Amino acid sequence: MDDSREDRRMMVTESIGKVFGIIMVVLYFILGTTFIFYTPERIPEQYAKPFGLLLYAYGFFRAYKYYRKYFSR
């Protein structure tokens, strides 16, 4: 009885991790696009575009790690 509860808890935890990972990857791409194409007024453009590219690069890195963790078995 305890093993099935433990397995179920692990499945729920892994599912939450998968959803959170996808949300974070999408969020980094959206933020990167925002900083590259729609620079906020408070941030100088010379800093916003490199920061947007950095967010894109980190988004790709997170997507790669997510893919390796959940889909390359």
C-alpha atoms as a PDB file:
ATOM      1  CA  MET A   1       0.000   0.000   0.000  1.00  0.00           C
ATOM      2  CA  ASP A   2       2.797   2.440   0.843  1.00  0.00           C
ATOM      3  CA  ASP A   3       4.668   1.658  -2.370  1.00  0.00           C
ATOM      4  CA  SER A   4       1.720   2.611  -4.568  1.00  0.00           C
ATOM      5  CA  ARG A   5       1.276   5.867  -2.648  1.00  0.00           C
ATOM      6  CA  GLU A   6       4.971   6.625  -3.008  1.00  0.00           C
ATOM      7  CA  ASP A   7       4.859   5.850  -6.747  1.00  0.00           C
ATOM      8  CA  ARG A   8       1.810   8.041  -7.220  1.00  0.00           C
ATOM      9  CA  ARG A   9       3.466  10.897  -5.341  1.00  0.00           C
ATOM     10  CA  MET A  10       6.557  10.589  -7.556  1.00  0.00           C
ATOM     11  CA  MET A  11       4.400  10.629 -10.707  1.00  0.00           C
ATOM     12  CA  VAL A  12       2.598  13.777  -9.554  1.00  0.00           C
ATOM     13  CA  THR A  13       5.889  15.460  -8.664  1.00  0.00           C
ATOM     14  CA  GLU A  14       7.387  14.568 -12.048  1.00  0.00           C
ATOM     15  CA  SER A  15       4.287  15.853 -13.868  1.00  0.00           C
ATOM     16  CA  ILE A  16       4.493  19.170 -12.031  1.00  0.00           C
ATOM     17  CA  GLY A  17       8.183  19.385 -12.936  1.00  0.00           C
ATOM     18  CA  LYS A  18       7.410  18.782 -16.614  1.00  0.00           C
ATOM     19  CA  VAL A  19       4.736  21.477 -16.733  1.00  0.00           C
ATOM     20  CA  PHE A  20       6.927  23.959 -14.860  1.00  0.00           C
ATOM     21  CA  GLY A  21       9.834  23.256 -17.227  1.00  0.00           C
ATOM     22  CA  ILE A  22       7.711  23.939 -20.299  1.00  0.00           C
ATOM     23  CA  ILE A  23       6.306  27.130 -18.785  1.00  0.00           C
ATOM     24  CA  MET A  24       9.778  28.425 -17.966  1.00  0.00           C
ATOM     25  CA  VAL A  25      11.138  27.718 -21.459  1.00  0.00           C
ATOM     26  CA  VAL A  26       8.202  29.554 -23.056  1.00  0.00           C
ATOM     27  CA  LEU A  27       8.565  32.415 -20.580  1.00  0.00           C
ATOM     28  CA  TYR A  28      12.265  32.905 -21.420  1.00  0.00           C
ATOM     29  CA  PHE A  29      11.463  33.044 -25.143  1.00  0.00           C
ATOM     30  CA  ILE A  30       8.626  35.526 -24.606  1.00  0.00           C
ATOM     31  CA  LEU A  31      10.785  37.750 -22.402  1.00  0.00           C
ATOM     32  CA  GLY A  32      13.668  37.555 -24.877  1.00  0.00           C
ATOM     33  CA  THR A  33      11.386  38.566 -27.730  1.00  0.00           C
ATOM     34  CA  THR A  34       9.995  41.409 -25.661  1.00  0.00           C
ATOM     35  CA  PHE A  35      13.427  42.810 -24.866  1.00  0.00           C
ATOM     36  CA  ILE A  36      14.652  42.477 -28.450  1.00  0.00           C
ATOM     37  CA  PHE A  37      11.681  43.951 -30.307  1.00  0.00           C
ATOM     38  CA  TYR A  38       9.772  46.012 -27.730  1.00  0.00           C
ATOM     39  CA  THR A  39      12.345  47.691 -25.544  1.00  0.00           C
ATOM     40  CA  PRO A  40      10.887  49.051 -22.286  1.00  0.00           C
ATOM     41  CA  GLU A  41      11.382  52.803 -21.940  1.00  0.00           C
ATOM     42  CA  ARG A  42      13.307  52.541 -18.672  1.00  0.00           C
ATOM     43  CA  ILE A  43      16.009  50.315 -20.169  1.00  0.00           C
ATOM     44  CA  PRO A  44      18.442  51.720 -22.760  1.00  0.00           C
ATOM     45  CA  GLU A  45      18.281  49.894 -26.099  1.00  0.00           C
ATOM     46  CA  GLN A  46      22.007  49.168 -25.990  1.00  0.00           C
ATOM     47  CA  TYR A  47      21.391  46.959 -22.941  1.00  0.00           C
ATOM     48  CA  ALA A  48      17.957  45.596 -23.811  1.00  0.00           C
ATOM     49  CA  LYS A  49      18.899  43.799 -27.033  1.00  0.00           C
ATOM     50  CA  PRO A  50      21.901  41.883 -25.582  1.00  0.00           C
ATOM     51  CA  PHE A  51      19.790  41.004 -22.542  1.00  0.00           C
ATOM     52  CA  GLY A  52      17.057  39.707 -24.848  1.00  0.00           C
ATOM     53  CA  LEU A  53      19.608  37.579 -26.705  1.00  0.00           C
ATOM     54  CA  LEU A  54      20.884  36.280 -23.386  1.00  0.00           C
ATOM     55  CA  LEU A  55      17.339  35.292 -22.404  1.00  0.00           C
ATOM     56  CA  TYR A  56      16.941  33.505 -25.756  1.00  0.00           C
ATOM     57  CA  ALA A  57      20.202  31.636 -25.243  1.00  0.00           C
ATOM     58  CA  TYR A  58      19.180  30.604 -21.738  1.00  0.00           C
ATOM     59  CA  GLY A  59      15.778  29.542 -23.073  1.00  0.00           C
ATOM     60  CA  PHE A  60      17.490  27.265 -25.607  1.00  0.00           C
ATOM     61  CA  PHE A  61      19.714  25.886 -22.856  1.00  0.00           C
ATOM     62  CA  ARG A  62      16.700  25.140 -20.648  1.00  0.00           C
ATOM     63  CA  ALA A  63      14.840  23.570 -23.592  1.00  0.00           C
ATOM     64  CA  TYR A  64      17.843  21.339 -24.332  1.00  0.00           C
ATOM     65  CA  LYS A  65      18.116  20.248 -20.692  1.00  0.00           C
ATOM     66  CA  TYR A  66      14.361  19.599 -20.588  1.00  0.00           C
ATOM     67  CA  TYR A  67      14.528  17.526 -23.763  1.00  0.00           C
ATOM     68  CA  ARG A  68      17.472  15.492 -22.480  1.00  0.00           C
ATOM     69  CA  LYS A  69      15.774  14.854 -19.141  1.00  0.00           C
ATOM     70  CA  TYR A  70      12.321  13.813 -20.342  1.00  0.00           C
ATOM     71  CA  PHE A  71      12.553  12.716 -23.973  1.00  0.00           C
ATOM     72  CA  SER A  72      15.921  11.082 -24.627  1.00  0.00           C
ATOM     73  CA  ARG A  73      15.399   7.853 -22.740  1.00  0.00           C
END
